[in-house]
Amino acid sequence: MEEKGYSVQHVATGEKAIEVILKDNTPVDLILMGLDLGNGMDGTQAAEIILKEKRIPVVFLSSYIEKKIVDKTEKITSYGYVVKNSSITVLDASIKMAFKRNTQLIR
């Protein structure tokens, strides 16, 4: 993502994402969220908590393609779902669409 010109801050858990975005008040323009974050909360739970307090576009990035899992992300205000094996071009296009959609909603 950095090669595409994005500034990236990586965190490994949902709890850490919440801490960085809500408690540390780190400025974030977009969240690229995985679903399986290991022990603790999953990506959808972390996104729900963050979105209760901040209006930040969320794009889910996951290897899961099962309907049940994808449906879970649809219940959250997200800006897309990208399968991990997708090319960087697809991921970059999804991020750009999320930024564009978010800008349109703010106006």
PDB file of N, CA and C in Angstrom:
ATOM      1  N   MET A   1       0.817  -1.185   0.000  1.00  0.00           N
ATOM      2  CA  MET A   1       0.000   0.000   0.000  1.00  0.00           C
ATOM      3  C   MET A   1       0.867   1.258   0.000  1.00  0.00           C
ATOM      4  N   GLU A   2       1.975   1.182   0.704  1.00  0.00           N
ATOM      5  CA  GLU A   2       2.880   2.335   0.721  1.00  0.00           C
ATOM      6  C   GLU A   2       3.436   2.621  -0.675  1.00  0.00           C
ATOM      7  N   GLU A   3       3.637   1.560  -1.457  1.00  0.00           N
ATOM      8  CA  GLU A   3       4.117   1.740  -2.834  1.00  0.00           C
ATOM      9  C   GLU A   3       3.086   2.478  -3.685  1.00  0.00           C
ATOM     10  N   LYS A   4       1.833   2.420  -3.296  1.00  0.00           N
ATOM     11  CA  LYS A   4       0.764   3.125  -4.003  1.00  0.00           C
ATOM     12  C   LYS A   4       0.577   4.546  -3.469  1.00  0.00           C
ATOM     13  N   GLY A   5       1.400   4.931  -2.486  1.00  0.00           N
ATOM     14  CA  GLY A   5       1.355   6.290  -1.984  1.00  0.00           C
ATOM     15  C   GLY A   5       0.556   6.484  -0.702  1.00  0.00           C
ATOM     16  N   TYR A   6       0.092   5.394  -0.115  1.00  0.00           N
ATOM     17  CA  TYR A   6      -0.678   5.501   1.123  1.00  0.00           C
ATOM     18  C   TYR A   6       0.250   5.480   2.332  1.00  0.00           C
ATOM     19  N   SER A   7      -0.111   6.222   3.339  1.00  0.00           N
ATOM     20  CA  SER A   7       0.572   6.151   4.621  1.00  0.00           C
ATOM     21  C   SER A   7      -0.136   5.056   5.419  1.00  0.00           C
ATOM     22  N   VAL A   8       0.618   4.124   5.951  1.00  0.00           N
ATOM     23  CA  VAL A   8       0.028   2.937   6.573  1.00  0.00           C
ATOM     24  C   VAL A   8       0.457   2.823   8.030  1.00  0.00           C
ATOM     25  N   GLN A   9      -0.497   2.518   8.865  1.00  0.00           N
ATOM     26  CA  GLN A   9      -0.190   2.160  10.252  1.00  0.00           C
ATOM     27  C   GLN A   9      -0.816   0.797  10.487  1.00  0.00           C
ATOM     28  N   HIS A  10       0.009  -0.188  10.763  1.00  0.00           N
ATOM     29  CA  HIS A  10      -0.480  -1.560  10.931  1.00  0.00           C
ATOM     30  C   HIS A  10      -0.683  -1.869  12.409  1.00  0.00           C
ATOM     31  N   VAL A  11      -1.825  -2.433  12.721  1.00  0.00           N
ATOM     32  CA  VAL A  11      -2.065  -2.975  14.058  1.00  0.00           C
ATOM     33  C   VAL A  11      -2.593  -4.389  13.878  1.00  0.00           C
ATOM     34  N   ALA A  12      -2.331  -5.256  14.841  1.00  0.00           N
ATOM     35  CA  ALA A  12      -2.614  -6.676  14.670  1.00  0.00           C
ATOM     36  C   ALA A  12      -3.914  -7.156  15.314  1.00  0.00           C
ATOM     37  N   THR A  13      -4.518  -6.338  16.163  1.00  0.00           N
ATOM     38  CA  THR A  13      -5.732  -6.791  16.843  1.00  0.00           C
ATOM     39  C   THR A  13      -6.821  -5.725  16.766  1.00  0.00           C
ATOM     40  N   GLY A  14      -8.054  -6.173  16.947  1.00  0.00           N
ATOM     41  CA  GLY A  14      -9.168  -5.234  16.993  1.00  0.00           C
ATOM     42  C   GLY A  14      -9.047  -4.293  18.176  1.00  0.00           C
ATOM     43  N   GLU A  15      -8.603  -4.823  19.288  1.00  0.00           N
ATOM     44  CA  GLU A  15      -8.439  -4.000  20.484  1.00  0.00           C
ATOM     45  C   GLU A  15      -7.420  -2.882  20.245  1.00  0.00           C
ATOM     46  N   LYS A  16      -6.334  -3.213  19.557  1.00  0.00           N
ATOM     47  CA  LYS A  16      -5.307  -2.212  19.273  1.00  0.00           C
ATOM     48  C   LYS A  16      -5.827  -1.172  18.282  1.00  0.00           C
ATOM     49  N   ALA A  17      -6.624  -1.596  17.312  1.00  0.00           N
ATOM     50  CA  ALA A  17      -7.219  -0.647  16.355  1.00  0.00           C
ATOM     51  C   ALA A  17      -8.096   0.354  17.093  1.00  0.00           C
ATOM     52  N   ILE A  18      -8.898  -0.141  18.024  1.00  0.00           N
ATOM     53  CA  ILE A  18      -9.767   0.734  18.817  1.00  0.00           C
ATOM     54  C   ILE A  18      -8.923   1.702  19.640  1.00  0.00           C
ATOM     55  N   GLU A  19      -7.883   1.175  20.244  1.00  0.00           N
ATOM     56  CA  GLU A  19      -7.004   2.022  21.065  1.00  0.00           C
ATOM     57  C   GLU A  19      -6.379   3.135  20.229  1.00  0.00           C
ATOM     58  N   VAL A  20      -5.825   2.789  19.094  1.00  0.00           N
ATOM     59  CA  VAL A  20      -5.136   3.770  18.254  1.00  0.00           C
ATOM     60  C   VAL A  20      -6.107   4.817  17.719  1.00  0.00           C
ATOM     61  N   ILE A  21      -7.250   4.361  17.235  1.00  0.00           N
ATOM     62  CA  ILE A  21      -8.178   5.280  16.573  1.00  0.00           C
ATOM     63  C   ILE A  21      -9.004   6.091  17.569  1.00  0.00           C
ATOM     64  N   LEU A  22      -9.480   5.469  18.618  1.00  0.00           N
ATOM     65  CA  LEU A  22     -10.366   6.166  19.548  1.00  0.00           C
ATOM     66  C   LEU A  22      -9.636   6.769  20.749  1.00  0.00           C
ATOM     67  N   LYS A  23      -8.751   6.029  21.352  1.00  0.00           N
ATOM     68  CA  LYS A  23      -8.113   6.516  22.576  1.00  0.00           C
ATOM     69  C   LYS A  23      -6.914   7.413  22.294  1.00  0.00           C
ATOM     70  N   ASP A  24      -6.077   7.005  21.328  1.00  0.00           N
ATOM     71  CA  ASP A  24      -4.917   7.822  20.987  1.00  0.00           C
ATOM     72  C   ASP A  24      -5.312   8.961  20.055  1.00  0.00           C
ATOM     73  N   ASN A  25      -6.515   8.858  19.501  1.00  0.00           N
ATOM     74  CA  ASN A  25      -7.057   9.873  18.586  1.00  0.00           C
ATOM     75  C   ASN A  25      -6.154  10.093  17.369  1.00  0.00           C
ATOM     76  N   THR A  26      -5.533   9.012  16.905  1.00  0.00           N
ATOM     77  CA  THR A  26      -4.686   9.072  15.722  1.00  0.00           C
ATOM     78  C   THR A  26      -5.555   9.376  14.502  1.00  0.00           C
ATOM     79  N   PRO A  27      -5.186  10.361  13.680  1.00  0.00           N
ATOM     80  CA  PRO A  27      -5.991  10.651  12.496  1.00  0.00           C
ATOM     81  C   PRO A  27      -5.913   9.492  11.488  1.00  0.00           C
ATOM     82  N   VAL A  28      -7.065   9.004  11.089  1.00  0.00           N
ATOM     83  CA  VAL A  28      -7.157   7.883  10.153  1.00  0.00           C
ATOM     84  C   VAL A  28      -8.176   8.244   9.086  1.00  0.00           C
ATOM     85  N   ASP A  29      -7.796   8.081   7.825  1.00  0.00           N
ATOM     86  CA  ASP A  29      -8.687   8.398   6.718  1.00  0.00           C
ATOM     87  C   ASP A  29      -9.497   7.199   6.244  1.00  0.00           C
ATOM     88  N   LEU A  30      -8.971   5.987   6.458  1.00  0.00           N
ATOM     89  CA  LEU A  30      -9.641   4.766   6.016  1.00  0.00           C
ATOM     90  C   LEU A  30      -9.117   3.609   6.844  1.00  0.00           C
ATOM     91  N   ILE A  31      -9.986   2.645   7.103  1.00  0.00           N
ATOM     92  CA  ILE A  31      -9.585   1.431   7.815  1.00  0.00           C
ATOM     93  C   ILE A  31      -9.683   0.268   6.841  1.00  0.00           C
ATOM     94  N   LEU A  32      -8.577  -0.434   6.666  1.00  0.00           N
ATOM     95  CA  LEU A  32      -8.544  -1.667   5.900  1.00  0.00           C
ATOM     96  C   LEU A  32      -8.517  -2.769   6.941  1.00  0.00           C
ATOM     97  N   MET A  33      -9.650  -3.440   7.127  1.00  0.00           N
ATOM     98  CA  MET A  33      -9.837  -4.328   8.276  1.00  0.00           C
ATOM     99  C   MET A  33      -9.940  -5.787   7.854  1.00  0.00           C
ATOM    100  N   GLY A  34      -9.120  -6.613   8.479  1.00  0.00           N
ATOM    101  CA  GLY A  34      -9.257  -8.056   8.319  1.00  0.00           C
ATOM    102  C   GLY A  34     -10.415  -8.545   9.170  1.00  0.00           C
ATOM    103  N   LEU A  35     -10.827  -9.770   8.950  1.00  0.00           N
ATOM    104  CA  LEU A  35     -11.921 -10.327   9.756  1.00  0.00           C
ATOM    105  C   LEU A  35     -11.399 -11.184  10.895  1.00  0.00           C
ATOM    106  N   ASP A  36     -10.479 -12.074  10.601  1.00  0.00           N
ATOM    107  CA  ASP A  36      -9.926 -12.955  11.619  1.00  0.00           C
ATOM    108  C   ASP A  36      -8.681 -12.293  12.182  1.00  0.00           C
ATOM    109  N   LEU A  37      -8.808 -11.779  13.394  1.00  0.00           N
ATOM    110  CA  LEU A  37      -7.703 -11.045  14.014  1.00  0.00           C
ATOM    111  C   LEU A  37      -7.078 -11.830  15.159  1.00  0.00           C
ATOM    112  N   GLY A  38      -7.245 -13.139  15.135  1.00  0.00           N
ATOM    113  CA  GLY A  38      -6.672 -13.981  16.179  1.00  0.00           C
ATOM    114  C   GLY A  38      -7.540 -13.975  17.425  1.00  0.00           C
ATOM    115  N   ASN A  39      -6.913 -14.132  18.573  1.00  0.00           N
ATOM    116  CA  ASN A  39      -7.653 -14.137  19.838  1.00  0.00           C
ATOM    117  C   ASN A  39      -8.283 -12.773  20.077  1.00  0.00           C
ATOM    118  N   GLY A  40      -9.409 -12.740  20.736  1.00  0.00           N
ATOM    119  CA  GLY A  40     -10.089 -11.476  21.003  1.00  0.00           C
ATOM    120  C   GLY A  40     -11.164 -11.224  19.972  1.00  0.00           C
ATOM    121  N   MET A  41     -11.501  -9.959  19.812  1.00  0.00           N
ATOM    122  CA  MET A  41     -12.589  -9.604  18.907  1.00  0.00           C
ATOM    123  C   MET A  41     -12.185  -9.763  17.447  1.00  0.00           C
ATOM    124  N   ASP A  42     -13.198  -9.977  16.610  1.00  0.00           N
ATOM    125  CA  ASP A  42     -12.919 -10.061  15.181  1.00  0.00           C
ATOM    126  C   ASP A  42     -13.045  -8.671  14.548  1.00  0.00           C
ATOM    127  N   GLY A  43     -12.760  -8.593  13.273  1.00  0.00           N
ATOM    128  CA  GLY A  43     -12.750  -7.313  12.578  1.00  0.00           C
ATOM    129  C   GLY A  43     -14.096  -6.620  12.537  1.00  0.00           C
ATOM    130  N   THR A  44     -15.177  -7.391  12.430  1.00  0.00           N
ATOM    131  CA  THR A  44     -16.495  -6.752  12.395  1.00  0.00           C
ATOM    132  C   THR A  44     -16.829  -6.122  13.740  1.00  0.00           C
ATOM    133  N   GLN A  45     -16.461  -6.781  14.816  1.00  0.00           N
ATOM    134  CA  GLN A  45     -16.714  -6.224  16.153  1.00  0.00           C
ATOM    135  C   GLN A  45     -15.917  -4.949  16.366  1.00  0.00           C
ATOM    136  N   ALA A  46     -14.659  -4.956  15.978  1.00  0.00           N
ATOM    137  CA  ALA A  46     -13.823  -3.762  16.127  1.00  0.00           C
ATOM    138  C   ALA A  46     -14.373  -2.618  15.284  1.00  0.00           C
ATOM    139  N   ALA A  47     -14.771  -2.912  14.048  1.00  0.00           N
ATOM    140  CA  ALA A  47     -15.311  -1.878  13.169  1.00  0.00           C
ATOM    141  C   ALA A  47     -16.580  -1.266  13.756  1.00  0.00           C
ATOM    142  N   GLU A  48     -17.447  -2.093  14.302  1.00  0.00           N
ATOM    143  CA  GLU A  48     -18.689  -1.574  14.903  1.00  0.00           C
ATOM    144  C   GLU A  48     -18.392  -0.589  16.036  1.00  0.00           C
ATOM    145  N   ILE A  49     -17.452  -0.931  16.884  1.00  0.00           N
ATOM    146  CA  ILE A  49     -17.101  -0.057  18.017  1.00  0.00           C
ATOM    147  C   ILE A  49     -16.517   1.262  17.513  1.00  0.00           C
ATOM    148  N   ILE A  50     -15.614   1.178  16.561  1.00  0.00           N
ATOM    149  CA  ILE A  50     -14.993   2.390  16.013  1.00  0.00           C
ATOM    150  C   ILE A  50     -16.042   3.274  15.346  1.00  0.00           C
ATOM    151  N   LEU A  51     -16.923   2.662  14.554  1.00  0.00           N
ATOM    152  CA  LEU A  51     -17.909   3.431  13.791  1.00  0.00           C
ATOM    153  C   LEU A  51     -18.989   4.073  14.660  1.00  0.00           C
ATOM    154  N   LYS A  52     -19.128   3.626  15.895  1.00  0.00           N
ATOM    155  CA  LYS A  52     -20.065   4.290  16.810  1.00  0.00           C
ATOM    156  C   LYS A  52     -19.576   5.684  17.189  1.00  0.00           C
ATOM    157  N   GLU A  53     -18.252   5.890  17.112  1.00  0.00           N
ATOM    158  CA  GLU A  53     -17.678   7.165  17.534  1.00  0.00           C
ATOM    159  C   GLU A  53     -17.032   7.974  16.419  1.00  0.00           C
ATOM    160  N   LYS A  54     -16.634   7.326  15.344  1.00  0.00           N
ATOM    161  CA  LYS A  54     -15.931   8.021  14.252  1.00  0.00           C
ATOM    162  C   LYS A  54     -16.564   7.652  12.913  1.00  0.00           C
ATOM    163  N   ARG A  55     -16.579   8.624  12.029  1.00  0.00           N
ATOM    164  CA  ARG A  55     -17.043   8.361  10.665  1.00  0.00           C
ATOM    165  C   ARG A  55     -15.814   8.168   9.791  1.00  0.00           C
ATOM    166  N   ILE A  56     -15.423   6.907   9.635  1.00  0.00           N
ATOM    167  CA  ILE A  56     -14.244   6.537   8.861  1.00  0.00           C
ATOM    168  C   ILE A  56     -14.652   5.412   7.908  1.00  0.00           C
ATOM    169  N   PRO A  57     -14.324   5.529   6.637  1.00  0.00           N
ATOM    170  CA  PRO A  57     -14.658   4.421   5.732  1.00  0.00           C
ATOM    171  C   PRO A  57     -13.885   3.155   6.109  1.00  0.00           C
ATOM    172  N   VAL A  58     -14.593   2.029   6.077  1.00  0.00           N
ATOM    173  CA  VAL A  58     -14.001   0.730   6.376  1.00  0.00           C
ATOM    174  C   VAL A  58     -14.118  -0.151   5.130  1.00  0.00           C
ATOM    175  N   VAL A  59     -12.998  -0.705   4.720  1.00  0.00           N
ATOM    176  CA  VAL A  59     -12.981  -1.707   3.657  1.00  0.00           C
ATOM    177  C   VAL A  59     -12.481  -2.993   4.303  1.00  0.00           C
ATOM    178  N   PHE A  60     -13.264  -4.052   4.163  1.00  0.00           N
ATOM    179  CA  PHE A  60     -12.849  -5.338   4.726  1.00  0.00           C
ATOM    180  C   PHE A  60     -11.976  -6.076   3.720  1.00  0.00           C
ATOM    181  N   LEU A  61     -10.904  -6.666   4.213  1.00  0.00           N
ATOM    182  CA  LEU A  61      -9.978  -7.450   3.408  1.00  0.00           C
ATOM    183  C   LEU A  61      -9.849  -8.810   4.066  1.00  0.00           C
ATOM    184  N   SER A  62     -10.298  -9.849   3.375  1.00  0.00           N
ATOM    185  CA  SER A  62     -10.315 -11.158   4.006  1.00  0.00           C
ATOM    186  C   SER A  62     -10.210 -12.267   2.976  1.00  0.00           C
ATOM    187  N   SER A  63      -9.765 -13.414   3.428  1.00  0.00           N
ATOM    188  CA  SER A  63      -9.728 -14.595   2.564  1.00  0.00           C
ATOM    189  C   SER A  63     -11.043 -15.356   2.620  1.00  0.00           C
ATOM    190  N   TYR A  64     -11.919 -14.982   3.539  1.00  0.00           N
ATOM    191  CA  TYR A  64     -13.206 -15.666   3.657  1.00  0.00           C
ATOM    192  C   TYR A  64     -14.125 -15.284   2.508  1.00  0.00           C
ATOM    193  N   ILE A  65     -14.739 -16.284   1.899  1.00  0.00           N
ATOM    194  CA  ILE A  65     -15.698 -16.019   0.824  1.00  0.00           C
ATOM    195  C   ILE A  65     -17.051 -16.667   1.110  1.00  0.00           C
ATOM    196  N   GLU A  66     -17.182 -17.278   2.281  1.00  0.00           N
ATOM    197  CA  GLU A  66     -18.441 -17.923   2.637  1.00  0.00           C
ATOM    198  C   GLU A  66     -19.518 -16.867   2.849  1.00  0.00           C
ATOM    199  N   LYS A  67     -20.714 -17.147   2.372  1.00  0.00           N
ATOM    200  CA  LYS A  67     -21.834 -16.205   2.445  1.00  0.00           C
ATOM    201  C   LYS A  67     -22.081 -15.730   3.875  1.00  0.00           C
ATOM    202  N   LYS A  68     -22.032 -16.631   4.834  1.00  0.00           N
ATOM    203  CA  LYS A  68     -22.292 -16.278   6.234  1.00  0.00           C
ATOM    204  C   LYS A  68     -21.327 -15.197   6.724  1.00  0.00           C
ATOM    205  N   ILE A  69     -20.064 -15.316   6.351  1.00  0.00           N
ATOM    206  CA  ILE A  69     -19.062 -14.347   6.783  1.00  0.00           C
ATOM    207  C   ILE A  69     -19.254 -13.016   6.062  1.00  0.00           C
ATOM    208  N   VAL A  70     -19.449 -13.069   4.758  1.00  0.00           N
ATOM    209  CA  VAL A  70     -19.644 -11.841   3.985  1.00  0.00           C
ATOM    210  C   VAL A  70     -20.906 -11.119   4.459  1.00  0.00           C
ATOM    211  N   ASP A  71     -21.966 -11.879   4.745  1.00  0.00           N
ATOM    212  CA  ASP A  71     -23.214 -11.278   5.253  1.00  0.00           C
ATOM    213  C   ASP A  71     -22.970 -10.521   6.555  1.00  0.00           C
ATOM    214  N   LYS A  72     -22.086 -11.033   7.391  1.00  0.00           N
ATOM    215  CA  LYS A  72     -21.778 -10.379   8.667  1.00  0.00           C
ATOM    216  C   LYS A  72     -21.206  -8.982   8.444  1.00  0.00           C
ATOM    217  N   THR A  73     -20.400  -8.817   7.406  1.00  0.00           N
ATOM    218  CA  THR A  73     -19.816  -7.504   7.127  1.00  0.00           C
ATOM    219  C   THR A  73     -20.845  -6.546   6.537  1.00  0.00           C
ATOM    220  N   GLU A  74     -21.861  -7.083   5.887  1.00  0.00           N
ATOM    221  CA  GLU A  74     -22.880  -6.227   5.272  1.00  0.00           C
ATOM    222  C   GLU A  74     -23.753  -5.530   6.308  1.00  0.00           C
ATOM    223  N   LYS A  75     -23.753  -6.015   7.520  1.00  0.00           N
ATOM    224  CA  LYS A  75     -24.555  -5.403   8.587  1.00  0.00           C
ATOM    225  C   LYS A  75     -23.873  -4.167   9.163  1.00  0.00           C
ATOM    226  N   ILE A  76     -22.654  -3.939   8.749  1.00  0.00           N
ATOM    227  CA  ILE A  76     -21.860  -2.813   9.236  1.00  0.00           C
ATOM    228  C   ILE A  76     -21.735  -1.801   8.101  1.00  0.00           C
ATOM    229  N   THR A  77     -21.708  -0.542   8.443  1.00  0.00           N
ATOM    230  CA  THR A  77     -21.510   0.477   7.416  1.00  0.00           C
ATOM    231  C   THR A  77     -20.089   0.352   6.897  1.00  0.00           C
ATOM    232  N   SER A  78     -19.941  -0.362   5.802  1.00  0.00           N
ATOM    233  CA  SER A  78     -18.613  -0.528   5.219  1.00  0.00           C
ATOM    234  C   SER A  78     -18.637  -0.026   3.785  1.00  0.00           C
ATOM    235  N   TYR A  79     -17.474   0.062   3.230  1.00  0.00           N
ATOM    236  CA  TYR A  79     -17.323   0.592   1.880  1.00  0.00           C
ATOM    237  C   TYR A  79     -16.808  -0.466   0.922  1.00  0.00           C
ATOM    238  N   GLY A  80     -16.942  -1.719   1.316  1.00  0.00           N
ATOM    239  CA  GLY A  80     -16.553  -2.784   0.409  1.00  0.00           C
ATOM    240  C   GLY A  80     -15.925  -3.968   1.108  1.00  0.00           C
ATOM    241  N   TYR A  81     -15.750  -5.012   0.314  1.00  0.00           N
ATOM    242  CA  TYR A  81     -15.179  -6.268   0.768  1.00  0.00           C
ATOM    243  C   TYR A  81     -14.263  -6.758  -0.340  1.00  0.00           C
ATOM    244  N   VAL A  82     -12.996  -6.916  -0.030  1.00  0.00           N
ATOM    245  CA  VAL A  82     -12.023  -7.358  -1.019  1.00  0.00           C
ATOM    246  C   VAL A  82     -11.442  -8.688  -0.551  1.00  0.00           C
ATOM    247  N   VAL A  83     -11.394  -9.655  -1.462  1.00  0.00           N
ATOM    248  CA  VAL A  83     -10.809 -10.953  -1.145  1.00  0.00           C
ATOM    249  C   VAL A  83      -9.289 -10.822  -1.206  1.00  0.00           C
ATOM    250  N   LYS A  84      -8.616 -11.396  -0.216  1.00  0.00           N
ATOM    251  CA  LYS A  84      -7.156 -11.226  -0.070  1.00  0.00           C
ATOM    252  C   LYS A  84      -6.356 -11.604  -1.310  1.00  0.00           C
ATOM    253  N   ASN A  85      -6.799 -12.545  -2.077  1.00  0.00           N
ATOM    254  CA  ASN A  85      -6.031 -12.947  -3.257  1.00  0.00           C
ATOM    255  C   ASN A  85      -6.203 -11.983  -4.426  1.00  0.00           C
ATOM    256  N   SER A  86      -6.985 -10.940  -4.251  1.00  0.00           N
ATOM    257  CA  SER A  86      -7.179  -9.963  -5.317  1.00  0.00           C
ATOM    258  C   SER A  86      -5.875  -9.221  -5.584  1.00  0.00           C
ATOM    259  N   SER A  87      -5.752  -8.706  -6.774  1.00  0.00           N
ATOM    260  CA  SER A  87      -4.533  -7.975  -7.131  1.00  0.00           C
ATOM    261  C   SER A  87      -4.480  -6.638  -6.395  1.00  0.00           C
ATOM    262  N   ILE A  88      -3.299  -6.068  -6.334  1.00  0.00           N
ATOM    263  CA  ILE A  88      -3.123  -4.756  -5.718  1.00  0.00           C
ATOM    264  C   ILE A  88      -3.939  -3.716  -6.477  1.00  0.00           C
ATOM    265  N   THR A  89      -4.130  -3.922  -7.763  1.00  0.00           N
ATOM    266  CA  THR A  89      -4.928  -2.998  -8.572  1.00  0.00           C
ATOM    267  C   THR A  89      -6.374  -2.984  -8.103  1.00  0.00           C
ATOM    268  N   VAL A  90      -6.927  -4.157  -7.801  1.00  0.00           N
ATOM    269  CA  VAL A  90      -8.305  -4.257  -7.315  1.00  0.00           C
ATOM    270  C   VAL A  90      -8.423  -3.630  -5.934  1.00  0.00           C
ATOM    271  N   LEU A  91      -7.474  -3.913  -5.064  1.00  0.00           N
ATOM    272  CA  LEU A  91      -7.494  -3.340  -3.722  1.00  0.00           C
ATOM    273  C   LEU A  91      -7.385  -1.816  -3.787  1.00  0.00           C
ATOM    274  N   ASP A  92      -6.473  -1.315  -4.593  1.00  0.00           N
ATOM    275  CA  ASP A  92      -6.295   0.125  -4.752  1.00  0.00           C
ATOM    276  C   ASP A  92      -7.571   0.770  -5.299  1.00  0.00           C
ATOM    277  N   ALA A  93      -8.202   0.145  -6.269  1.00  0.00           N
ATOM    278  CA  ALA A  93      -9.449   0.681  -6.833  1.00  0.00           C
ATOM    279  C   ALA A  93     -10.548   0.706  -5.774  1.00  0.00           C
ATOM    280  N   SER A  94     -10.609  -0.319  -4.945  1.00  0.00           N
ATOM    281  CA  SER A  94     -11.620  -0.369  -3.883  1.00  0.00           C
ATOM    282  C   SER A  94     -11.395   0.739  -2.861  1.00  0.00           C
ATOM    283  N   ILE A  95     -10.150   0.985  -2.519  1.00  0.00           N
ATOM    284  CA  ILE A  95      -9.826   2.059  -1.575  1.00  0.00           C
ATOM    285  C   ILE A  95     -10.196   3.412  -2.169  1.00  0.00           C
ATOM    286  N   LYS A  96      -9.851   3.632  -3.430  1.00  0.00           N
ATOM    287  CA  LYS A  96     -10.192   4.893  -4.090  1.00  0.00           C
ATOM    288  C   LYS A  96     -11.707   5.095  -4.150  1.00  0.00           C
ATOM    289  N   MET A  97     -12.453   4.016  -4.429  1.00  0.00           N
ATOM    290  CA  MET A  97     -13.920   4.120  -4.443  1.00  0.00           C
ATOM    291  C   MET A  97     -14.462   4.459  -3.061  1.00  0.00           C
ATOM    292  N   ALA A  98     -13.868   3.880  -2.019  1.00  0.00           N
ATOM    293  CA  ALA A  98     -14.305   4.167  -0.650  1.00  0.00           C
ATOM    294  C   ALA A  98     -14.076   5.634  -0.314  1.00  0.00           C
ATOM    295  N   PHE A  99     -12.905   6.168  -0.677  1.00  0.00           N
ATOM    296  CA  PHE A  99     -12.635   7.590  -0.444  1.00  0.00           C
ATOM    297  C   PHE A  99     -13.631   8.465  -1.197  1.00  0.00           C
ATOM    298  N   LYS A 100     -13.891   8.122  -2.443  1.00  0.00           N
ATOM    299  CA  LYS A 100     -14.815   8.900  -3.266  1.00  0.00           C
ATOM    300  C   LYS A 100     -16.228   8.850  -2.694  1.00  0.00           C
ATOM    301  N   ARG A 101     -16.662   7.665  -2.316  1.00  0.00           N
ATOM    302  CA  ARG A 101     -18.015   7.509  -1.748  1.00  0.00           C
ATOM    303  C   ARG A 101     -18.135   8.272  -0.434  1.00  0.00           C
ATOM    304  N   ASN A 102     -17.120   8.201   0.400  1.00  0.00           N
ATOM    305  CA  ASN A 102     -17.148   8.897   1.684  1.00  0.00           C
ATOM    306  C   ASN A 102     -17.212  10.407   1.474  1.00  0.00           C
ATOM    307  N   THR A 103     -16.446  10.916   0.533  1.00  0.00           N
ATOM    308  CA  THR A 103     -16.466  12.351   0.226  1.00  0.00           C
ATOM    309  C   THR A 103     -17.849  12.788  -0.247  1.00  0.00           C
ATOM    310  N   GLN A 104     -18.483  11.968  -1.059  1.00  0.00           N
ATOM    311  CA  GLN A 104     -19.816  12.287  -1.565  1.00  0.00           C
ATOM    312  C   GLN A 104     -20.840  12.298  -0.442  1.00  0.00           C
ATOM    313  N   LEU A 105     -20.705  11.413   0.527  1.00  0.00           N
ATOM    314  CA  LEU A 105     -21.658  11.345   1.641  1.00  0.00           C
ATOM    315  C   LEU A 105     -21.490  12.503   2.603  1.00  0.00           C
ATOM    316  N   ILE A 106     -20.276  13.024   2.716  1.00  0.00           N
ATOM    317  CA  ILE A 106     -20.010  14.128   3.646  1.00  0.00           C
ATOM    318  C   ILE A 106     -20.618  15.435   3.122  1.00  0.00           C
ATOM    319  N   ARG A 107     -20.627  15.590   1.829  1.00  0.00           N
ATOM    320  CA  ARG A 107     -21.132  16.848   1.232  1.00  0.00           C
ATOM    321  C   ARG A 107     -22.555  17.120   1.557  1.00  0.00           C
TER     322      ARG A 107
END
